[in-house]
């Protein structure tokens, strides 16, 4: 299953993240190495949030990531939420579309 972790961030996020960026990226790299985090990054123009794509048996992988993320712990994230995402197209889609439907 796939899960989206979505962050809303403070107005001064780009500047405020500087002291925590290395720790955050290490946290993300570790989740990626475990096979949990597929993609992640900040939204652009404006930089007012971030989206991270996780895979796992439950949303726990994304929830645990957020609870330990230096950006969350240090108040740069004002709100976060996890949504299950039913992926149907692509090599790693969780639910494959029946080719007969195409």
N, C-alpha and C. Protein backbone atom coordinates (compact mmCIF):
# COMPACT_ATOMS: atom_id res chain seq x y z
N UNK A 1 0.84 -1.18 0.00
CA UNK A 1 0.00 0.00 0.00
C UNK A 1 0.89 1.25 0.00
N UNK A 2 0.33 2.31 -0.53
CA UNK A 2 1.04 3.60 -0.55
C UNK A 2 0.33 4.59 0.36
N UNK A 3 1.14 5.45 0.96
CA UNK A 3 0.64 6.47 1.87
C UNK A 3 1.33 7.79 1.59
N UNK A 4 0.55 8.87 1.55
CA UNK A 4 1.11 10.20 1.40
C UNK A 4 1.16 10.87 2.76
N UNK A 5 2.32 11.38 3.10
CA UNK A 5 2.50 12.20 4.29
C UNK A 5 2.57 13.63 3.79
N UNK A 6 1.64 14.46 4.24
CA UNK A 6 1.56 15.85 3.77
C UNK A 6 1.83 16.79 4.94
N UNK A 7 2.71 17.75 4.68
CA UNK A 7 3.08 18.74 5.69
C UNK A 7 2.58 20.12 5.27
N UNK A 8 2.06 20.87 6.23
CA UNK A 8 1.90 22.31 6.12
C UNK A 8 3.02 22.90 6.97
N UNK A 9 3.63 23.97 6.50
CA UNK A 9 4.81 24.50 7.18
C UNK A 9 4.65 25.97 7.52
N UNK A 10 5.52 26.46 8.42
CA UNK A 10 5.51 27.86 8.83
C UNK A 10 5.89 28.76 7.65
N UNK A 11 5.53 30.03 7.74
CA UNK A 11 5.81 30.98 6.67
C UNK A 11 7.30 31.11 6.37
N UNK A 12 8.12 31.07 7.39
CA UNK A 12 9.57 31.25 7.21
C UNK A 12 10.30 29.92 7.05
N UNK A 13 9.61 28.92 6.52
CA UNK A 13 10.12 27.56 6.45
C UNK A 13 11.49 27.43 5.79
N UNK A 14 11.68 28.08 4.65
CA UNK A 14 12.94 27.92 3.91
C UNK A 14 14.13 28.35 4.77
N UNK A 15 14.01 29.46 5.45
CA UNK A 15 15.11 29.93 6.31
C UNK A 15 15.18 29.12 7.60
N UNK A 16 14.02 28.80 8.17
CA UNK A 16 13.99 28.12 9.47
C UNK A 16 14.48 26.68 9.40
N UNK A 17 14.41 26.06 8.24
CA UNK A 17 14.81 24.65 8.14
C UNK A 17 16.33 24.47 8.11
N UNK A 18 17.08 25.52 7.85
CA UNK A 18 18.52 25.41 7.67
C UNK A 18 19.20 24.63 8.80
N UNK A 19 18.97 24.96 10.08
CA UNK A 19 19.69 24.22 11.14
C UNK A 19 19.27 22.76 11.28
N UNK A 20 18.11 22.40 10.73
CA UNK A 20 17.58 21.05 10.89
C UNK A 20 17.63 20.23 9.61
N UNK A 21 18.06 20.84 8.51
CA UNK A 21 17.98 20.19 7.19
C UNK A 21 18.81 18.91 7.12
N UNK A 22 20.03 18.94 7.63
CA UNK A 22 20.88 17.75 7.58
C UNK A 22 20.24 16.60 8.36
N UNK A 23 19.73 16.87 9.54
CA UNK A 23 19.08 15.82 10.34
C UNK A 23 17.82 15.29 9.64
N UNK A 24 17.05 16.19 9.06
CA UNK A 24 15.85 15.78 8.33
C UNK A 24 16.21 14.89 7.15
N UNK A 25 17.22 15.31 6.38
CA UNK A 25 17.61 14.51 5.21
C UNK A 25 18.20 13.16 5.62
N UNK A 26 18.90 13.10 6.74
CA UNK A 26 19.40 11.81 7.24
C UNK A 26 18.24 10.92 7.65
N UNK A 27 17.25 11.52 8.29
CA UNK A 27 16.05 10.78 8.69
C UNK A 27 15.34 10.22 7.45
N UNK A 28 15.23 11.04 6.41
CA UNK A 28 14.59 10.61 5.17
C UNK A 28 15.41 9.53 4.47
N UNK A 29 16.72 9.69 4.44
CA UNK A 29 17.58 8.70 3.78
C UNK A 29 17.48 7.35 4.48
N UNK A 30 17.40 7.35 5.80
CA UNK A 30 17.27 6.09 6.54
C UNK A 30 15.94 5.41 6.21
N UNK A 31 14.86 6.18 6.11
CA UNK A 31 13.56 5.61 5.76
C UNK A 31 13.59 5.06 4.33
N UNK A 32 14.30 5.75 3.45
CA UNK A 32 14.43 5.27 2.07
C UNK A 32 15.23 3.96 2.03
N UNK A 33 16.30 3.91 2.78
CA UNK A 33 17.12 2.69 2.81
C UNK A 33 16.35 1.49 3.36
N UNK A 34 15.41 1.75 4.26
CA UNK A 34 14.57 0.67 4.80
C UNK A 34 13.48 0.26 3.82
N UNK A 35 13.35 1.00 2.70
CA UNK A 35 12.33 0.68 1.71
C UNK A 35 10.97 1.27 2.03
N UNK A 36 10.91 2.20 2.97
CA UNK A 36 9.64 2.80 3.37
C UNK A 36 9.33 4.07 2.58
N UNK A 37 10.29 4.96 2.46
CA UNK A 37 10.11 6.24 1.77
C UNK A 37 10.49 6.08 0.31
N UNK A 38 9.56 6.38 -0.57
CA UNK A 38 9.79 6.24 -2.01
C UNK A 38 10.27 7.56 -2.60
N UNK A 39 9.56 8.63 -2.32
CA UNK A 39 9.89 9.97 -2.81
C UNK A 39 9.47 10.98 -1.76
N UNK A 40 10.13 12.10 -1.74
CA UNK A 40 9.73 13.16 -0.83
C UNK A 40 10.33 14.47 -1.24
N UNK A 41 9.67 15.56 -0.89
CA UNK A 41 10.22 16.87 -1.18
C UNK A 41 9.23 17.97 -0.87
N UNK A 42 9.77 19.19 -0.88
CA UNK A 42 8.97 20.38 -0.61
C UNK A 42 8.16 20.76 -1.84
N UNK A 43 6.98 21.32 -1.60
CA UNK A 43 6.21 21.91 -2.68
C UNK A 43 6.89 23.21 -3.08
N UNK A 44 6.73 23.62 -4.32
CA UNK A 44 7.44 24.79 -4.82
C UNK A 44 6.48 25.85 -5.35
N UNK A 45 6.95 27.06 -5.28
CA UNK A 45 6.28 28.22 -5.88
C UNK A 45 4.82 28.37 -5.48
N UNK A 46 4.51 28.56 -4.23
CA UNK A 46 5.39 28.85 -3.10
C UNK A 46 5.79 27.59 -2.34
N UNK A 47 6.83 27.72 -1.55
CA UNK A 47 7.26 26.62 -0.67
C UNK A 47 6.40 26.72 0.59
N UNK A 48 5.26 26.04 0.55
CA UNK A 48 4.32 26.14 1.67
C UNK A 48 3.92 24.77 2.23
N UNK A 49 4.67 23.75 1.85
CA UNK A 49 4.37 22.42 2.34
C UNK A 49 5.32 21.41 1.75
N UNK A 50 5.07 20.15 2.07
CA UNK A 50 5.88 19.06 1.54
C UNK A 50 5.00 17.82 1.43
N UNK A 51 5.42 16.92 0.54
CA UNK A 51 4.70 15.66 0.36
C UNK A 51 5.73 14.54 0.29
N UNK A 52 5.47 13.48 1.03
CA UNK A 52 6.36 12.32 1.04
C UNK A 52 5.53 11.08 0.77
N UNK A 53 6.03 10.24 -0.11
CA UNK A 53 5.33 9.00 -0.50
C UNK A 53 5.99 7.81 0.18
N UNK A 54 5.19 7.08 0.93
CA UNK A 54 5.65 5.90 1.65
C UNK A 54 4.96 4.65 1.12
N UNK A 55 5.61 3.50 1.34
CA UNK A 55 4.97 2.22 1.09
C UNK A 55 5.12 1.37 2.33
N UNK A 56 4.10 0.56 2.59
CA UNK A 56 4.14 -0.32 3.75
C UNK A 56 2.81 -1.02 3.92
N UNK A 57 2.74 -1.82 4.97
CA UNK A 57 1.52 -2.57 5.25
C UNK A 57 0.45 -1.74 5.94
N UNK A 58 0.86 -0.60 6.50
CA UNK A 58 -0.08 0.27 7.21
C UNK A 58 0.47 1.70 7.18
N UNK A 59 -0.35 2.67 7.57
CA UNK A 59 0.13 4.05 7.61
C UNK A 59 1.17 4.30 8.70
N UNK A 60 1.43 3.31 9.52
CA UNK A 60 2.37 3.46 10.63
C UNK A 60 3.75 3.93 10.16
N UNK A 61 4.19 3.50 8.99
CA UNK A 61 5.52 3.92 8.51
C UNK A 61 5.57 5.43 8.34
N UNK A 62 4.52 6.02 7.79
CA UNK A 62 4.48 7.46 7.60
C UNK A 62 4.26 8.20 8.92
N UNK A 63 3.39 7.67 9.76
CA UNK A 63 3.13 8.30 11.06
C UNK A 63 4.40 8.31 11.91
N UNK A 64 5.09 7.19 11.98
CA UNK A 64 6.32 7.11 12.77
C UNK A 64 7.39 8.05 12.22
N UNK A 65 7.46 8.17 10.89
CA UNK A 65 8.41 9.10 10.29
C UNK A 65 8.11 10.52 10.75
N UNK A 66 6.86 10.92 10.64
CA UNK A 66 6.49 12.29 11.00
C UNK A 66 6.77 12.59 12.47
N UNK A 67 6.41 11.67 13.34
CA UNK A 67 6.59 11.90 14.78
C UNK A 67 8.06 12.10 15.16
N UNK A 68 8.98 11.53 14.38
CA UNK A 68 10.41 11.64 14.68
C UNK A 68 11.14 12.63 13.78
N UNK A 69 10.44 13.24 12.83
CA UNK A 69 11.08 14.14 11.87
C UNK A 69 11.54 15.42 12.58
N UNK A 70 12.81 15.80 12.43
CA UNK A 70 13.29 17.04 13.05
C UNK A 70 12.48 18.28 12.66
N UNK A 71 11.92 18.31 11.48
CA UNK A 71 11.09 19.45 11.08
C UNK A 71 9.80 19.51 11.91
N UNK A 72 9.22 18.37 12.21
CA UNK A 72 8.01 18.31 13.04
C UNK A 72 8.36 18.60 14.49
N UNK A 73 9.37 17.91 14.99
CA UNK A 73 9.78 18.03 16.40
C UNK A 73 10.15 19.47 16.75
N UNK A 74 10.73 20.19 15.80
CA UNK A 74 11.20 21.56 16.06
C UNK A 74 10.24 22.64 15.58
N UNK A 75 8.99 22.27 15.28
CA UNK A 75 7.94 23.24 15.04
C UNK A 75 7.89 23.88 13.65
N UNK A 76 8.62 23.36 12.69
CA UNK A 76 8.56 23.90 11.34
C UNK A 76 7.30 23.45 10.61
N UNK A 77 6.76 22.32 11.02
CA UNK A 77 5.54 21.78 10.43
C UNK A 77 4.38 22.15 11.35
N UNK A 78 3.40 22.87 10.79
CA UNK A 78 2.26 23.32 11.59
C UNK A 78 1.14 22.28 11.62
N UNK A 79 1.11 21.43 10.61
CA UNK A 79 0.10 20.39 10.53
C UNK A 79 0.62 19.29 9.62
N UNK A 80 0.37 18.03 10.00
CA UNK A 80 0.71 16.93 9.12
C UNK A 80 -0.43 15.92 9.14
N UNK A 81 -0.53 15.20 8.03
CA UNK A 81 -1.56 14.18 7.93
C UNK A 81 -1.10 13.09 6.96
N UNK A 82 -1.64 11.91 7.16
CA UNK A 82 -1.31 10.76 6.32
C UNK A 82 -2.59 10.31 5.63
N UNK A 83 -2.47 10.09 4.33
CA UNK A 83 -3.60 9.60 3.55
C UNK A 83 -3.19 8.36 2.79
N UNK A 84 -4.04 7.34 2.83
CA UNK A 84 -3.81 6.17 1.99
C UNK A 84 -4.04 6.59 0.55
N UNK A 85 -3.17 6.13 -0.34
CA UNK A 85 -3.25 6.50 -1.74
C UNK A 85 -3.36 5.22 -2.56
N UNK A 86 -4.46 5.05 -3.26
CA UNK A 86 -4.65 3.88 -4.10
C UNK A 86 -4.01 4.16 -5.45
N UNK A 87 -2.80 3.63 -5.63
CA UNK A 87 -2.08 3.83 -6.89
C UNK A 87 -2.47 2.72 -7.86
N UNK A 88 -2.73 3.12 -9.12
CA UNK A 88 -3.22 2.15 -10.10
C UNK A 88 -2.42 2.13 -11.40
N UNK A 89 -1.58 3.11 -11.62
CA UNK A 89 -0.79 3.17 -12.84
C UNK A 89 0.68 3.33 -12.47
N UNK A 90 1.54 2.60 -13.14
CA UNK A 90 2.97 2.68 -12.89
C UNK A 90 3.52 1.33 -12.46
N UNK A 91 4.84 1.21 -12.59
CA UNK A 91 5.49 -0.06 -12.29
C UNK A 91 5.26 -0.52 -10.86
N UNK A 92 5.16 0.41 -9.92
CA UNK A 92 5.03 0.04 -8.51
C UNK A 92 3.63 0.29 -7.96
N UNK A 93 2.64 0.37 -8.83
CA UNK A 93 1.27 0.60 -8.38
C UNK A 93 0.83 -0.50 -7.43
N UNK A 94 0.12 -0.11 -6.40
CA UNK A 94 -0.35 -1.08 -5.41
C UNK A 94 -1.48 -1.92 -5.96
N UNK A 95 -2.30 -1.34 -6.79
CA UNK A 95 -3.43 -2.04 -7.41
C UNK A 95 -3.27 -1.90 -8.91
N UNK A 96 -3.06 -3.00 -9.59
CA UNK A 96 -2.88 -2.97 -11.03
C UNK A 96 -4.23 -2.89 -11.74
N UNK A 97 -4.31 -2.02 -12.73
CA UNK A 97 -5.54 -1.91 -13.51
C UNK A 97 -5.61 -3.10 -14.47
N UNK A 98 -6.77 -3.70 -14.54
CA UNK A 98 -7.01 -4.80 -15.47
C UNK A 98 -6.83 -4.29 -16.89
N UNK A 99 -5.90 -4.87 -17.66
CA UNK A 99 -5.67 -4.40 -19.04
C UNK A 99 -6.92 -4.44 -19.91
N UNK A 100 -7.88 -5.29 -19.55
CA UNK A 100 -9.11 -5.38 -20.33
C UNK A 100 -9.99 -4.12 -20.17
N UNK A 101 -9.70 -3.34 -19.14
CA UNK A 101 -10.46 -2.12 -18.92
C UNK A 101 -9.93 -0.95 -19.74
N UNK A 102 -8.76 -1.12 -20.32
CA UNK A 102 -8.14 -0.02 -21.08
C UNK A 102 -8.60 0.00 -22.51
